[in-house]
N, C-alpha and C. Protein backbone atom coordinates (compact mmCIF):
# COMPACT_ATOMS: atom_id res chain seq x y z
N MET A 1 117.69 105.06 69.26
CA MET A 1 117.26 104.12 70.24
C MET A 1 115.85 104.14 70.57
N VAL A 2 115.12 103.03 70.54
CA VAL A 2 113.73 102.99 70.85
C VAL A 2 113.43 102.89 72.36
N ARG A 3 112.74 103.76 72.91
CA ARG A 3 112.39 103.82 74.33
C ARG A 3 111.42 102.77 74.58
N ARG A 4 111.77 101.87 75.44
CA ARG A 4 110.79 100.85 75.89
C ARG A 4 109.89 101.36 77.09
N LYS A 5 108.62 100.97 77.04
CA LYS A 5 107.69 101.32 78.06
C LYS A 5 107.79 100.50 79.25
N ILE A 6 107.81 101.21 80.46
CA ILE A 6 107.88 100.34 81.72
C ILE A 6 106.56 99.61 81.87
N GLU A 7 106.60 98.36 82.30
CA GLU A 7 105.47 97.50 82.30
C GLU A 7 105.25 96.91 83.74
N GLU A 8 104.03 96.82 84.06
CA GLU A 8 103.68 96.22 85.41
C GLU A 8 104.01 94.75 85.27
N VAL A 9 104.89 94.20 86.14
CA VAL A 9 105.35 92.78 86.13
C VAL A 9 104.86 92.05 87.30
N ALA A 10 104.36 92.67 88.30
CA ALA A 10 103.64 92.19 89.50
C ALA A 10 102.84 93.27 90.03
N ASP A 11 101.84 93.02 90.89
CA ASP A 11 100.93 93.86 91.41
C ASP A 11 101.71 94.90 92.10
N GLY A 12 101.66 96.22 91.59
CA GLY A 12 102.32 97.42 92.14
C GLY A 12 103.81 97.56 91.83
N LEU A 13 104.33 96.64 90.90
CA LEU A 13 105.74 96.65 90.54
C LEU A 13 105.88 96.79 89.17
N PHE A 14 106.57 97.74 88.63
CA PHE A 14 106.84 98.16 87.27
C PHE A 14 108.32 98.02 86.99
N LEU A 15 108.65 97.40 85.94
CA LEU A 15 110.09 97.14 85.57
C LEU A 15 110.30 97.38 84.11
N GLU A 16 111.55 97.86 83.84
CA GLU A 16 111.90 98.05 82.42
C GLU A 16 113.40 97.98 82.43
N PRO A 17 114.11 97.38 81.53
CA PRO A 17 113.67 96.47 80.45
C PRO A 17 113.31 95.01 81.01
N VAL A 18 112.53 94.39 80.30
CA VAL A 18 112.23 92.87 80.52
C VAL A 18 112.27 92.37 79.21
N PRO A 19 113.29 91.30 78.90
CA PRO A 19 114.24 90.78 79.88
C PRO A 19 115.38 91.78 80.14
N ILE A 20 116.16 91.48 81.13
CA ILE A 20 117.20 92.32 81.51
C ILE A 20 118.58 91.70 80.93
N THR A 21 119.45 92.60 80.34
CA THR A 21 120.67 92.08 79.74
C THR A 21 121.71 92.70 80.40
N LEU A 22 122.96 92.14 80.88
CA LEU A 22 123.98 92.68 81.62
C LEU A 22 124.28 94.07 81.05
N GLY A 23 124.48 94.97 81.93
CA GLY A 23 124.83 96.38 81.54
C GLY A 23 123.66 97.25 81.28
N ASP A 24 122.49 96.73 81.18
CA ASP A 24 121.14 97.49 80.98
C ASP A 24 121.01 98.35 82.25
N GLU A 25 120.40 99.58 81.99
CA GLU A 25 119.95 100.30 83.06
C GLU A 25 118.48 99.98 83.36
N VAL A 26 118.27 99.40 84.63
CA VAL A 26 117.06 99.05 85.10
C VAL A 26 116.29 100.09 85.72
N ASN A 27 115.05 100.37 85.26
CA ASN A 27 114.08 101.28 85.85
C ASN A 27 112.96 100.60 86.48
N LEU A 28 112.88 100.90 87.90
CA LEU A 28 111.96 100.20 88.70
C LEU A 28 111.00 101.24 89.33
N LYS A 29 109.69 100.93 89.28
CA LYS A 29 108.70 101.81 89.99
C LYS A 29 107.90 100.79 90.98
N TYR A 30 107.87 101.24 92.17
CA TYR A 30 107.20 100.48 93.23
C TYR A 30 105.96 101.20 93.79
N GLN A 31 104.81 100.52 93.75
CA GLN A 31 103.59 101.11 94.30
C GLN A 31 102.97 100.01 95.30
N GLY A 32 103.85 99.32 95.91
CA GLY A 32 103.33 98.18 96.88
C GLY A 32 102.92 98.57 98.22
N LEU A 33 103.16 97.64 99.22
CA LEU A 33 102.63 97.77 100.52
C LEU A 33 103.12 99.03 101.32
N LEU A 34 104.42 99.33 101.03
CA LEU A 34 105.02 100.51 101.81
C LEU A 34 104.78 101.78 101.11
N ALA A 35 104.38 101.85 99.93
CA ALA A 35 104.36 103.15 99.08
C ALA A 35 103.62 104.16 99.58
N GLU A 36 102.40 103.96 100.20
CA GLU A 36 101.53 105.01 100.61
C GLU A 36 101.93 105.71 101.87
N ASP A 37 102.34 104.89 102.85
CA ASP A 37 102.55 105.59 104.30
C ASP A 37 104.07 105.89 104.47
N ALA A 38 105.01 105.26 103.69
CA ALA A 38 106.39 105.46 104.04
C ALA A 38 106.87 106.87 103.82
N LYS A 39 107.62 107.51 104.60
CA LYS A 39 108.34 108.71 104.38
C LYS A 39 109.55 108.58 103.41
N GLN A 40 110.06 107.37 103.38
CA GLN A 40 111.12 107.01 102.48
C GLN A 40 111.09 105.58 102.08
N VAL A 41 111.38 105.11 100.94
CA VAL A 41 111.56 103.75 100.47
C VAL A 41 112.98 103.45 99.91
N PHE A 42 113.49 102.38 100.27
CA PHE A 42 114.73 101.96 99.74
C PHE A 42 114.62 100.56 99.04
N LEU A 43 115.27 100.47 97.91
CA LEU A 43 115.34 99.33 97.07
C LEU A 43 116.67 98.58 97.47
N ARG A 44 116.31 97.23 98.09
CA ARG A 44 117.60 96.53 98.38
C ARG A 44 117.89 95.50 97.15
N THR A 45 118.97 95.60 96.66
CA THR A 45 119.32 94.71 95.43
C THR A 45 120.57 93.75 95.93
N GLY A 46 120.64 92.60 95.18
CA GLY A 46 121.64 91.73 95.33
C GLY A 46 121.69 90.84 94.13
N TYR A 47 122.70 89.94 93.98
CA TYR A 47 122.88 89.11 92.85
C TYR A 47 123.16 87.78 93.27
N GLY A 48 122.83 86.82 92.49
CA GLY A 48 123.12 85.41 92.71
C GLY A 48 121.97 84.45 93.00
N HIS A 49 122.21 83.28 93.12
CA HIS A 49 121.26 82.24 93.43
C HIS A 49 121.62 81.77 94.83
N GLY A 50 120.55 81.80 95.67
CA GLY A 50 120.90 81.46 97.17
C GLY A 50 121.30 82.82 97.85
N ASN A 51 122.52 82.75 98.40
CA ASN A 51 123.02 83.93 99.13
C ASN A 51 123.29 85.07 98.27
N TRP A 52 122.86 86.29 98.41
CA TRP A 52 122.93 87.50 97.66
C TRP A 52 124.42 87.97 97.84
N THR A 53 124.93 88.53 96.67
CA THR A 53 126.31 89.06 96.73
C THR A 53 126.01 90.54 96.22
N ASP A 54 127.11 91.43 96.40
CA ASP A 54 126.98 92.84 96.08
C ASP A 54 125.63 93.43 96.57
N VAL A 55 125.21 93.28 97.75
CA VAL A 55 124.01 93.79 98.27
C VAL A 55 124.21 95.30 98.51
N ARG A 56 123.13 96.01 98.09
CA ARG A 56 123.12 97.45 98.43
C ARG A 56 121.70 97.99 98.47
N ASP A 57 121.53 99.06 99.16
CA ASP A 57 120.33 99.82 99.28
C ASP A 57 120.40 101.03 98.42
N ILE A 58 119.38 101.23 97.64
CA ILE A 58 119.17 102.48 96.77
C ILE A 58 117.94 103.32 97.31
N LYS A 59 118.22 104.46 97.50
CA LYS A 59 117.20 105.30 98.00
C LYS A 59 116.31 105.77 96.78
N MET A 60 114.98 105.46 96.99
CA MET A 60 114.12 105.76 95.89
C MET A 60 113.53 107.11 95.88
N ARG A 61 113.04 107.53 94.75
CA ARG A 61 112.43 108.86 94.73
C ARG A 61 110.92 108.74 94.63
N LYS A 62 110.16 109.59 95.28
CA LYS A 62 108.76 109.53 95.35
C LYS A 62 108.30 110.35 93.93
N SER A 63 107.30 109.64 93.25
CA SER A 63 106.87 110.23 91.99
C SER A 63 105.46 110.79 92.34
N ARG A 64 105.03 111.67 91.23
CA ARG A 64 103.77 112.45 91.58
C ARG A 64 102.54 111.59 91.80
N ASP A 65 102.67 110.30 91.25
CA ASP A 65 101.40 109.38 91.44
C ASP A 65 101.47 108.70 92.75
N GLY A 66 102.47 108.95 93.64
CA GLY A 66 102.55 108.22 94.88
C GLY A 66 103.38 107.03 94.80
N GLY A 67 103.97 106.62 93.56
CA GLY A 67 104.90 105.55 93.59
C GLY A 67 106.29 105.89 93.92
N TRP A 68 107.18 105.04 93.98
CA TRP A 68 108.62 105.26 94.22
C TRP A 68 109.42 104.67 93.09
N THR A 69 110.51 105.42 92.61
CA THR A 69 111.18 104.98 91.48
C THR A 69 112.76 104.94 91.84
N ALA A 70 113.41 104.10 91.02
CA ALA A 70 114.95 103.96 91.25
C ALA A 70 115.42 103.43 89.85
N SER A 71 116.66 103.75 89.56
CA SER A 71 117.30 103.21 88.45
C SER A 71 118.79 102.74 88.78
N PHE A 72 119.18 101.68 88.18
CA PHE A 72 120.51 101.25 88.56
C PHE A 72 120.95 100.29 87.39
N ALA A 73 122.25 100.14 87.21
CA ALA A 73 122.81 99.26 86.26
C ALA A 73 122.89 97.74 86.68
N ALA A 74 122.45 96.85 85.67
CA ALA A 74 122.58 95.43 85.92
C ALA A 74 124.08 95.01 85.75
N LYS A 75 124.75 94.75 86.95
CA LYS A 75 126.15 94.57 86.89
C LYS A 75 126.73 93.11 86.99
N ASP A 76 125.77 92.14 87.12
CA ASP A 76 126.30 90.80 87.29
C ASP A 76 125.46 89.82 86.45
N PRO A 77 126.13 89.04 85.69
CA PRO A 77 125.23 88.12 84.66
C PRO A 77 124.69 86.81 85.38
N SER A 78 124.14 87.03 86.56
CA SER A 78 123.43 85.88 87.24
C SER A 78 122.03 86.24 87.46
N ARG A 79 121.61 86.33 88.59
CA ARG A 79 120.20 86.58 88.96
C ARG A 79 120.12 87.99 89.83
N LEU A 80 119.26 88.87 89.35
CA LEU A 80 119.00 90.05 90.26
C LEU A 80 117.95 89.63 91.28
N ASN A 81 118.15 89.99 92.45
CA ASN A 81 117.21 89.87 93.47
C ASN A 81 116.93 91.24 94.17
N PHE A 82 115.70 91.37 94.48
CA PHE A 82 115.44 92.70 95.25
C PHE A 82 114.15 92.61 96.09
N CYS A 83 114.08 93.64 97.05
CA CYS A 83 112.95 93.70 97.97
C CYS A 83 112.92 95.21 98.33
N PHE A 84 112.17 95.63 99.19
CA PHE A 84 111.92 97.05 99.60
C PHE A 84 111.89 97.20 101.10
N HIS A 85 112.32 98.31 101.61
CA HIS A 85 112.10 98.67 103.03
C HIS A 85 112.07 100.05 103.30
N ASP A 86 111.56 100.54 104.43
CA ASP A 86 111.43 102.00 104.68
C ASP A 86 112.41 102.63 105.55
N GLY A 87 113.47 101.78 105.92
CA GLY A 87 114.45 102.28 106.80
C GLY A 87 114.12 102.27 108.32
N ALA A 88 112.82 101.72 108.56
CA ALA A 88 112.33 101.70 110.00
C ALA A 88 111.91 100.29 110.22
N GLU A 89 112.62 99.30 109.69
CA GLU A 89 112.36 97.83 109.83
C GLU A 89 111.07 97.37 109.25
N ASN A 90 110.37 98.06 108.38
CA ASN A 90 109.19 97.56 107.56
C ASN A 90 109.71 97.17 106.24
N TRP A 91 109.36 96.03 105.75
CA TRP A 91 109.76 95.44 104.63
C TRP A 91 108.60 94.79 103.75
N ASP A 92 108.81 94.93 102.46
CA ASP A 92 108.05 94.28 101.52
C ASP A 92 108.87 93.31 100.69
N ASN A 93 108.78 92.08 101.02
CA ASN A 93 109.76 91.08 100.42
C ASN A 93 108.99 90.08 99.73
N ASN A 94 107.86 90.45 99.20
CA ASN A 94 107.15 89.53 98.38
C ASN A 94 106.69 88.25 99.11
N ASN A 95 106.31 88.45 100.37
CA ASN A 95 105.86 87.37 101.27
C ASN A 95 107.02 86.38 101.51
N GLY A 96 108.28 87.00 101.62
CA GLY A 96 109.58 86.13 101.84
C GLY A 96 110.16 85.58 100.70
N MET A 97 109.49 85.75 99.43
CA MET A 97 110.08 85.25 98.29
C MET A 97 111.06 86.26 97.59
N ASN A 98 111.01 87.49 97.80
CA ASN A 98 111.75 88.61 97.20
C ASN A 98 111.22 88.50 95.74
N TRP A 99 111.90 89.31 94.87
CA TRP A 99 111.61 89.44 93.47
C TRP A 99 112.90 88.99 92.79
N SER A 100 112.98 88.15 91.76
CA SER A 100 114.11 87.75 91.08
C SER A 100 114.00 87.78 89.59
N TYR A 101 115.05 88.28 88.91
CA TYR A 101 115.07 88.15 87.36
C TYR A 101 116.38 87.71 86.92
N GLU A 102 116.44 86.79 86.07
CA GLU A 102 117.74 86.35 85.52
C GLU A 102 118.34 87.43 84.66
N ILE A 103 119.55 87.65 84.72
CA ILE A 103 120.26 88.63 83.92
C ILE A 103 120.89 87.76 82.77
N HIS A 104 120.63 88.28 81.51
CA HIS A 104 121.27 87.70 80.43
C HIS A 104 122.59 88.45 80.05
N ASP A 105 123.50 87.59 79.57
CA ASP A 105 124.87 88.18 79.20
C ASP A 105 124.89 88.80 77.79
N GLY A 106 123.85 88.66 77.02
CA GLY A 106 123.79 89.36 75.84
C GLY A 106 124.28 88.44 74.71
N SER A 107 124.80 87.27 74.98
CA SER A 107 125.21 86.35 73.90
C SER A 107 124.10 85.58 73.36
N ARG A 108 124.24 85.33 72.07
CA ARG A 108 123.32 84.48 71.28
C ARG A 108 123.43 83.00 71.63
N VAL A 109 122.39 82.21 71.79
CA VAL A 109 122.51 80.82 72.03
C VAL A 109 122.29 80.17 70.60
N GLU A 110 123.35 79.46 70.32
CA GLU A 110 123.33 78.71 68.99
C GLU A 110 122.55 77.34 69.31
N HIS A 111 121.69 77.02 68.25
CA HIS A 111 120.95 75.80 68.34
C HIS A 111 121.47 74.82 67.32
C-alpha cells in the first residue's frame, strides 16, 4: 500500500487522504488558533448536510512541532463536518463556517 503524504488543505489544517472515501482512516493535524495556548484540543466531528448527525468529540494528541493530531474512520457516505475546541468554551470553527468534506462511497461513476 502506498502511503499518502498529509497535505495542508487550509491555513494550519492538514488532512489525509484527500479525497475521502467511505471507510478511510482520516488523519488530521491542527495548527490553528487554539494550537499554541490550549492545554488540550478536541476535534468535533459530525456528518450530513445541515444538521450534523453522529456528533462526537475526539481528544487530540499534541505533536512535537506544537500541532495536534487525531485519526478516525469516515463512517458515513455524506459530508464530514468538523471544528475544534479546547474544552473550556474556546472554539475554532472557521469563522462559523466549520470545515466540510464530501465522503465518496467508492463506487465508480459511469458516463
